[in-house]
Structure formats: structure tokens, C-alpha cells
Amino acid sequence: MSTERELGEHAVAIEHMQRDIDDLMRDMKDVKQKIDKIDKAMDEIRGGWKVIIWIAAGIGAFISYIVAHWMK
């Protein structure tokens, strides 16, 4: 009987471990999805900064052109 009892205890322990592993896998999937969202947001932010820099450079060039012609 002792062996059967030990097998039963181990079976219960394995079931609990399997549930814990399943919970961890779901949590890891959620974390991966959130990281992907953060990565996409960072890519959009990087693209936004590039646009802002291009616009600022264009405005600076236009102002320089106007000032250069005004000084003549």
C-alpha cells in the first residue's frame, strides 16, 4: 500500500506542477505580446523623431535662405 500511496502523492504533485507550468506559459505568452507592443511603439516613436528632425532641418534651411537674401 505504501507504494500506491506514494504514486498517488506523486501524481497529485505532478498535476499541480503541470498547472503551474501551464500558468507560467500563459503568463510568458502575455509578456511576449506586451513586449511586441512596446517594440512596435518604440519603432513608431523612432520614426516620429526622424520626421521631426527632417522638418526642423527644412525650416532651418528656409530661414537661412530668407536671411541670406534679406542681408544682400
PDB file of N, CA and C in Angstrom:
ATOM      1  N   MET A   1       0.811  -1.193   0.000  1.00  0.00           N
ATOM      2  CA  MET A   1       0.000   0.000   0.000  1.00  0.00           C
ATOM      3  C   MET A   1       0.853   1.255   0.000  1.00  0.00           C
ATOM      4  N   SER A   2       1.976   1.197   0.577  1.00  0.00           N
ATOM      5  CA  SER A   2       2.843   2.357   0.667  1.00  0.00           C
ATOM      6  C   SER A   2       3.249   2.852  -0.720  1.00  0.00           C
ATOM      7  N   THR A   3       3.525   1.926  -1.612  1.00  0.00           N
ATOM      8  CA  THR A   3       3.928   2.292  -2.962  1.00  0.00           C
ATOM      9  C   THR A   3       2.772   2.971  -3.690  1.00  0.00           C
ATOM     10  N   GLU A   4       1.573   2.434  -3.534  1.00  0.00           N
ATOM     11  CA  GLU A   4       0.413   3.030  -4.187  1.00  0.00           C
ATOM     12  C   GLU A   4       0.149   4.440  -3.661  1.00  0.00           C
ATOM     13  N   ARG A   5       0.325   4.582  -2.364  1.00  0.00           N
ATOM     14  CA  ARG A   5       0.114   5.913  -1.758  1.00  0.00           C
ATOM     15  C   ARG A   5       1.140   6.903  -2.300  1.00  0.00           C
ATOM     16  N   GLU A   6       2.403   6.465  -2.368  1.00  0.00           N
ATOM     17  CA  GLU A   6       3.454   7.348  -2.895  1.00  0.00           C
ATOM     18  C   GLU A   6       3.172   7.719  -4.350  1.00  0.00           C
ATOM     19  N   LEU A   7       2.709   6.746  -5.130  1.00  0.00           N
ATOM     20  CA  LEU A   7       2.384   7.030  -6.529  1.00  0.00           C
ATOM     21  C   LEU A   7       1.247   8.045  -6.623  1.00  0.00           C
ATOM     22  N   GLY A   8       0.259   7.893  -5.743  1.00  0.00           N
ATOM     23  CA  GLY A   8      -0.845   8.846  -5.721  1.00  0.00           C
ATOM     24  C   GLY A   8      -0.373  10.241  -5.353  1.00  0.00           C
ATOM     25  N   GLU A   9       0.494  10.334  -4.360  1.00  0.00           N
ATOM     26  CA  GLU A   9       1.033  11.638  -3.947  1.00  0.00           C
ATOM     27  C   GLU A   9       1.834  12.276  -5.077  1.00  0.00           C
ATOM     28  N   HIS A  10       2.636  11.434  -5.748  1.00  0.00           N
ATOM     29  CA  HIS A  10       3.436  11.955  -6.862  1.00  0.00           C
ATOM     30  C   HIS A  10       2.542  12.397  -8.012  1.00  0.00           C
ATOM     31  N   ALA A  11       1.474  11.650  -8.270  1.00  0.00           N
ATOM     32  CA  ALA A  11       0.556  12.020  -9.347  1.00  0.00           C
ATOM     33  C   ALA A  11      -0.084  13.373  -9.054  1.00  0.00           C
ATOM     34  N   VAL A  12      -0.488  13.577  -7.794  1.00  0.00           N
ATOM     35  CA  VAL A  12      -1.084  14.860  -7.414  1.00  0.00           C
ATOM     36  C   VAL A  12      -0.054  15.985  -7.552  1.00  0.00           C
ATOM     37  N   ALA A  13       1.175  15.705  -7.100  1.00  0.00           N
ATOM     38  CA  ALA A  13       2.228  16.720  -7.198  1.00  0.00           C
ATOM     39  C   ALA A  13       2.502  17.063  -8.664  1.00  0.00           C
ATOM     40  N   ILE A  14       2.500  16.069  -9.530  1.00  0.00           N
ATOM     41  CA  ILE A  14       2.748  16.298 -10.956  1.00  0.00           C
ATOM     42  C   ILE A  14       1.616  17.126 -11.554  1.00  0.00           C
ATOM     43  N   GLU A  15       0.372  16.840 -11.167  1.00  0.00           N
ATOM     44  CA  GLU A  15      -0.758  17.628 -11.665  1.00  0.00           C
ATOM     45  C   GLU A  15      -0.629  19.094 -11.267  1.00  0.00           C
ATOM     46  N   HIS A  16      -0.236  19.338 -10.019  1.00  0.00           N
ATOM     47  CA  HIS A  16      -0.049  20.717  -9.555  1.00  0.00           C
ATOM     48  C   HIS A  16       1.075  21.401 -10.330  1.00  0.00           C
ATOM     49  N   MET A  17       2.149  20.663 -10.536  1.00  0.00           N
ATOM     50  CA  MET A  17       3.266  21.238 -11.300  1.00  0.00           C
ATOM     51  C   MET A  17       2.839  21.545 -12.728  1.00  0.00           C
ATOM     52  N   GLN A  18       2.051  20.645 -13.324  1.00  0.00           N
ATOM     53  CA  GLN A  18       1.597  20.866 -14.693  1.00  0.00           C
ATOM     54  C   GLN A  18       0.720  22.113 -14.771  1.00  0.00           C
ATOM     55  N   ARG A  19      -0.163  22.314 -13.786  1.00  0.00           N
ATOM     56  CA  ARG A  19      -0.993  23.517 -13.765  1.00  0.00           C
ATOM     57  C   ARG A  19      -0.134  24.766 -13.625  1.00  0.00           C
ATOM     58  N   ASP A  20       0.866  24.684 -12.743  1.00  0.00           N
ATOM     59  CA  ASP A  20       1.769  25.828 -12.563  1.00  0.00           C
ATOM     60  C   ASP A  20       2.523  26.140 -13.855  1.00  0.00           C
ATOM     61  N   ILE A  21       2.978  25.104 -14.541  1.00  0.00           N
ATOM     62  CA  ILE A  21       3.702  25.298 -15.799  1.00  0.00           C
ATOM     63  C   ILE A  21       2.771  25.904 -16.846  1.00  0.00           C
ATOM     64  N   ASP A  22       1.530  25.414 -16.900  1.00  0.00           N
ATOM     65  CA  ASP A  22       0.562  25.973 -17.845  1.00  0.00           C
ATOM     66  C   ASP A  22       0.313  27.454 -17.551  1.00  0.00           C
ATOM     67  N   ASP A  23       0.185  27.807 -16.265  1.00  0.00           N
ATOM     68  CA  ASP A  23       0.003  29.210 -15.887  1.00  0.00           C
ATOM     69  C   ASP A  23       1.206  30.049 -16.302  1.00  0.00           C
ATOM     70  N   LEU A  24       2.397  29.509 -16.087  1.00  0.00           N
ATOM     71  CA  LEU A  24       3.611  30.224 -16.478  1.00  0.00           C
ATOM     72  C   LEU A  24       3.677  30.424 -17.991  1.00  0.00           C
ATOM     73  N   MET A  25       3.283  29.414 -18.733  1.00  0.00           N
ATOM     74  CA  MET A  25       3.302  29.524 -20.197  1.00  0.00           C
ATOM     75  C   MET A  25       2.329  30.610 -20.662  1.00  0.00           C
ATOM     76  N   ARG A  26       1.133  30.680 -20.052  1.00  0.00           N
ATOM     77  CA  ARG A  26       0.186  31.734 -20.416  1.00  0.00           C
ATOM     78  C   ARG A  26       0.755  33.101 -20.059  1.00  0.00           C
ATOM     79  N   ASP A  27       1.362  33.196 -18.879  1.00  0.00           N
ATOM     80  CA  ASP A  27       1.956  34.471 -18.475  1.00  0.00           C
ATOM     81  C   ASP A  27       3.077  34.881 -19.424  1.00  0.00           C
ATOM     82  N   MET A  28       3.913  33.917 -19.822  1.00  0.00           N
ATOM     83  CA  MET A  28       5.010  34.221 -20.742  1.00  0.00           C
ATOM     84  C   MET A  28       4.454  34.685 -22.086  1.00  0.00           C
ATOM     85  N   LYS A  29       3.372  34.075 -22.541  1.00  0.00           N
ATOM     86  CA  LYS A  29       2.759  34.492 -23.803  1.00  0.00           C
ATOM     87  C   LYS A  29       2.263  35.926 -23.698  1.00  0.00           C
ATOM     88  N   ASP A  30       1.636  36.267 -22.566  1.00  0.00           N
ATOM     89  CA  ASP A  30       1.168  37.639 -22.355  1.00  0.00           C
ATOM     90  C   ASP A  30       2.341  38.619 -22.334  1.00  0.00           C
ATOM     91  N   VAL A  31       3.415  38.247 -21.661  1.00  0.00           N
ATOM     92  CA  VAL A  31       4.593  39.114 -21.581  1.00  0.00           C
ATOM     93  C   VAL A  31       5.187  39.328 -22.974  1.00  0.00           C
ATOM     94  N   LYS A  32       5.272  38.262 -23.765  1.00  0.00           N
ATOM     95  CA  LYS A  32       5.799  38.396 -25.126  1.00  0.00           C
ATOM     96  C   LYS A  32       4.940  39.330 -25.966  1.00  0.00           C
ATOM     97  N   GLN A  33       3.620  39.218 -25.830  1.00  0.00           N
ATOM     98  CA  GLN A  33       2.732  40.106 -26.585  1.00  0.00           C
ATOM     99  C   GLN A  33       2.922  41.552 -26.161  1.00  0.00           C
ATOM    100  N   LYS A  34       3.073  41.779 -24.870  1.00  0.00           N
ATOM    101  CA  LYS A  34       3.277  43.146 -24.390  1.00  0.00           C
ATOM    102  C   LYS A  34       4.619  43.702 -24.860  1.00  0.00           C
ATOM    103  N   ILE A  35       5.639  42.865 -24.866  1.00  0.00           N
ATOM    104  CA  ILE A  35       6.949  43.306 -25.350  1.00  0.00           C
ATOM    105  C   ILE A  35       6.874  43.652 -26.835  1.00  0.00           C
ATOM    106  N   ASP A  36       6.136  42.854 -27.606  1.00  0.00           N
ATOM    107  CA  ASP A  36       5.958  43.158 -29.029  1.00  0.00           C
ATOM    108  C   ASP A  36       5.261  44.503 -29.215  1.00  0.00           C
ATOM    109  N   LYS A  37       4.240  44.777 -28.396  1.00  0.00           N
ATOM    110  CA  LYS A  37       3.547  46.063 -28.482  1.00  0.00           C
ATOM    111  C   LYS A  37       4.487  47.211 -28.148  1.00  0.00           C
ATOM    112  N   ILE A  38       5.306  47.027 -27.121  1.00  0.00           N
ATOM    113  CA  ILE A  38       6.268  48.063 -26.731  1.00  0.00           C
ATOM    114  C   ILE A  38       7.278  48.281 -27.856  1.00  0.00           C
ATOM    115  N   ASP A  39       7.742  47.197 -28.464  1.00  0.00           N
ATOM    116  CA  ASP A  39       8.706  47.301 -29.563  1.00  0.00           C
ATOM    117  C   ASP A  39       8.106  48.060 -30.741  1.00  0.00           C
ATOM    118  N   LYS A  40       6.851  47.763 -31.073  1.00  0.00           N
ATOM    119  CA  LYS A  40       6.189  48.483 -32.166  1.00  0.00           C
ATOM    120  C   LYS A  40       6.037  49.965 -31.833  1.00  0.00           C
ATOM    121  N   ALA A  41       5.688  50.265 -30.586  1.00  0.00           N
ATOM    122  CA  ALA A  41       5.543  51.670 -30.178  1.00  0.00           C
ATOM    123  C   ALA A  41       6.885  52.389 -30.268  1.00  0.00           C
ATOM    124  N   MET A  42       7.951  51.725 -29.870  1.00  0.00           N
ATOM    125  CA  MET A  42       9.277  52.341 -29.944  1.00  0.00           C
ATOM    126  C   MET A  42       9.679  52.592 -31.398  1.00  0.00           C
ATOM    127  N   ASP A  43       9.335  51.670 -32.289  1.00  0.00           N
ATOM    128  CA  ASP A  43       9.623  51.885 -33.714  1.00  0.00           C
ATOM    129  C   ASP A  43       8.875  53.101 -34.238  1.00  0.00           C
ATOM    130  N   GLU A  44       7.622  53.253 -33.834  1.00  0.00           N
ATOM    131  CA  GLU A  44       6.843  54.412 -34.262  1.00  0.00           C
ATOM    132  C   GLU A  44       7.437  55.701 -33.713  1.00  0.00           C
ATOM    133  N   ILE A  45       7.877  55.659 -32.467  1.00  0.00           N
ATOM    134  CA  ILE A  45       8.485  56.854 -31.859  1.00  0.00           C
ATOM    135  C   ILE A  45       9.767  57.219 -32.603  1.00  0.00           C
ATOM    136  N   ARG A  46      10.587  56.204 -32.917  1.00  0.00           N
ATOM    137  CA  ARG A  46      11.826  56.478 -33.648  1.00  0.00           C
ATOM    138  C   ARG A  46      11.524  57.113 -34.993  1.00  0.00           C
ATOM    139  N   GLY A  47      10.511  56.614 -35.681  1.00  0.00           N
ATOM    140  CA  GLY A  47      10.125  57.191 -36.971  1.00  0.00           C
ATOM    141  C   GLY A  47       9.624  58.615 -36.813  1.00  0.00           C
ATOM    142  N   GLY A  48       8.894  58.882 -35.742  1.00  0.00           N
ATOM    143  CA  GLY A  48       8.394  60.229 -35.475  1.00  0.00           C
ATOM    144  C   GLY A  48       9.518  61.216 -35.255  1.00  0.00           C
ATOM    145  N   TRP A  49      10.535  60.795 -34.531  1.00  0.00           N
ATOM    146  CA  TRP A  49      11.680  61.675 -34.293  1.00  0.00           C
ATOM    147  C   TRP A  49      12.397  62.001 -35.591  1.00  0.00           C
ATOM    148  N   LYS A  50      12.501  61.019 -36.468  1.00  0.00           N
ATOM    149  CA  LYS A  50      13.162  61.266 -37.750  1.00  0.00           C
ATOM    150  C   LYS A  50      12.391  62.313 -38.553  1.00  0.00           C
ATOM    151  N   VAL A  51      11.088  62.214 -38.544  1.00  0.00           N
ATOM    152  CA  VAL A  51      10.262  63.187 -39.270  1.00  0.00           C
ATOM    153  C   VAL A  51      10.440  64.579 -38.671  1.00  0.00           C
ATOM    154  N   ILE A  52      10.437  64.665 -37.356  1.00  0.00           N
ATOM    155  CA  ILE A  52      10.609  65.957 -36.691  1.00  0.00           C
ATOM    156  C   ILE A  52      11.969  66.563 -37.051  1.00  0.00           C
ATOM    157  N   ILE A  53      12.997  65.766 -37.072  1.00  0.00           N
ATOM    158  CA  ILE A  53      14.336  66.267 -37.414  1.00  0.00           C
ATOM    159  C   ILE A  53      14.362  66.757 -38.865  1.00  0.00           C
ATOM    160  N   TRP A  54      13.723  66.007 -39.792  1.00  0.00           N
ATOM    161  CA  TRP A  54      13.666  66.443 -41.196  1.00  0.00           C
ATOM    162  C   TRP A  54      12.915  67.769 -41.324  1.00  0.00           C
ATOM    163  N   ILE A  55      11.814  67.887 -40.605  1.00  0.00           N
ATOM    164  CA  ILE A  55      11.044  69.136 -40.664  1.00  0.00           C
ATOM    165  C   ILE A  55      11.858  70.297 -40.096  1.00  0.00           C
ATOM    166  N   ALA A  56      12.520  70.066 -38.966  1.00  0.00           N
ATOM    167  CA  ALA A  56      13.337  71.121 -38.353  1.00  0.00           C
ATOM    168  C   ALA A  56      14.481  71.527 -39.282  1.00  0.00           C
ATOM    169  N   ALA A  57      15.083  70.551 -39.942  1.00  0.00           N
ATOM    170  CA  ALA A  57      16.165  70.867 -40.877  1.00  0.00           C
ATOM    171  C   ALA A  57      15.633  71.689 -42.055  1.00  0.00           C
ATOM    172  N   GLY A  58      14.461  71.333 -42.544  1.00  0.00           N
ATOM    173  CA  GLY A  58      13.859  72.092 -43.649  1.00  0.00           C
ATOM    174  C   GLY A  58      13.537  73.514 -43.244  1.00  0.00           C
ATOM    175  N   ILE A  59      12.974  73.684 -42.056  1.00  0.00           N
ATOM    176  CA  ILE A  59      12.663  75.032 -41.563  1.00  0.00           C
ATOM    177  C   ILE A  59      13.940  75.842 -41.386  1.00  0.00           C
ATOM    178  N   GLY A  60      14.961  75.199 -40.837  1.00  0.00           N
ATOM    179  CA  GLY A  60      16.245  75.885 -40.657  1.00  0.00           C
ATOM    180  C   GLY A  60      16.842  76.312 -41.985  1.00  0.00           C
ATOM    181  N   ALA A  61      16.758  75.461 -42.996  1.00  0.00           N
ATOM    182  CA  ALA A  61      17.282  75.807 -44.318  1.00  0.00           C
ATOM    183  C   ALA A  61      16.485  76.961 -44.925  1.00  0.00           C
ATOM    184  N   PHE A  62      15.171  76.934 -44.759  1.00  0.00           N
ATOM    185  CA  PHE A  62      14.326  78.003 -45.293  1.00  0.00           C
ATOM    186  C   PHE A  62      14.654  79.335 -44.621  1.00  0.00           C
ATOM    187  N   ILE A  63      14.795  79.320 -43.297  1.00  0.00           N
ATOM    188  CA  ILE A  63      15.135  80.552 -42.563  1.00  0.00           C
ATOM    189  C   ILE A  63      16.503  81.063 -42.991  1.00  0.00           C
ATOM    190  N   SER A  64      17.461  80.158 -43.160  1.00  0.00           N
ATOM    191  CA  SER A  64      18.795  80.566 -43.606  1.00  0.00           C
ATOM    192  C   SER A  64      18.727  81.200 -44.994  1.00  0.00           C
ATOM    193  N   TYR A  65      17.935  80.616 -45.873  1.00  0.00           N
ATOM    194  CA  TYR A  65      17.772  81.159 -47.229  1.00  0.00           C
ATOM    195  C   TYR A  65      17.156  82.573 -47.176  1.00  0.00           C
ATOM    196  N   ILE A  66      16.123  82.751 -46.373  1.00  0.00           N
ATOM    197  CA  ILE A  66      15.456  84.051 -46.256  1.00  0.00           C
ATOM    198  C   ILE A  66      16.421  85.091 -45.682  1.00  0.00           C
ATOM    199  N   VAL A  67      17.128  84.733 -44.635  1.00  0.00           N
ATOM    200  CA  VAL A  67      18.065  85.680 -44.002  1.00  0.00           C
ATOM    201  C   VAL A  67      19.191  86.028 -44.961  1.00  0.00           C
ATOM    202  N   ALA A  68      19.691  85.041 -45.712  1.00  0.00           N
ATOM    203  CA  ALA A  68      20.788  85.300 -46.662  1.00  0.00           C
ATOM    204  C   ALA A  68      20.333  86.266 -47.751  1.00  0.00           C
ATOM    205  N   HIS A  69      19.121  86.120 -48.245  1.00  0.00           N
ATOM    206  CA  HIS A  69      18.623  87.052 -49.276  1.00  0.00           C
ATOM    207  C   HIS A  69      18.272  88.415 -48.704  1.00  0.00           C
ATOM    208  N   TRP A  70      17.859  88.448 -47.492  1.00  0.00           N
ATOM    209  CA  TRP A  70      17.494  89.707 -46.832  1.00  0.00           C
ATOM    210  C   TRP A  70      18.741  90.546 -46.544  1.00  0.00           C
ATOM    211  N   MET A  71      19.879  89.881 -46.282  1.00  0.00           N
ATOM    212  CA  MET A  71      21.103  90.582 -45.951  1.00  0.00           C
ATOM    213  C   MET A  71      21.751  91.199 -47.182  1.00  0.00           C
ATOM    214  N   LYS A  72      21.364  90.830 -48.380  1.00  0.00           N
ATOM    215  CA  LYS A  72      22.007  91.348 -49.607  1.00  0.00           C
ATOM    216  C   LYS A  72      21.696  92.772 -49.805  1.00  0.00           C
TER     217      LYS A  72
END
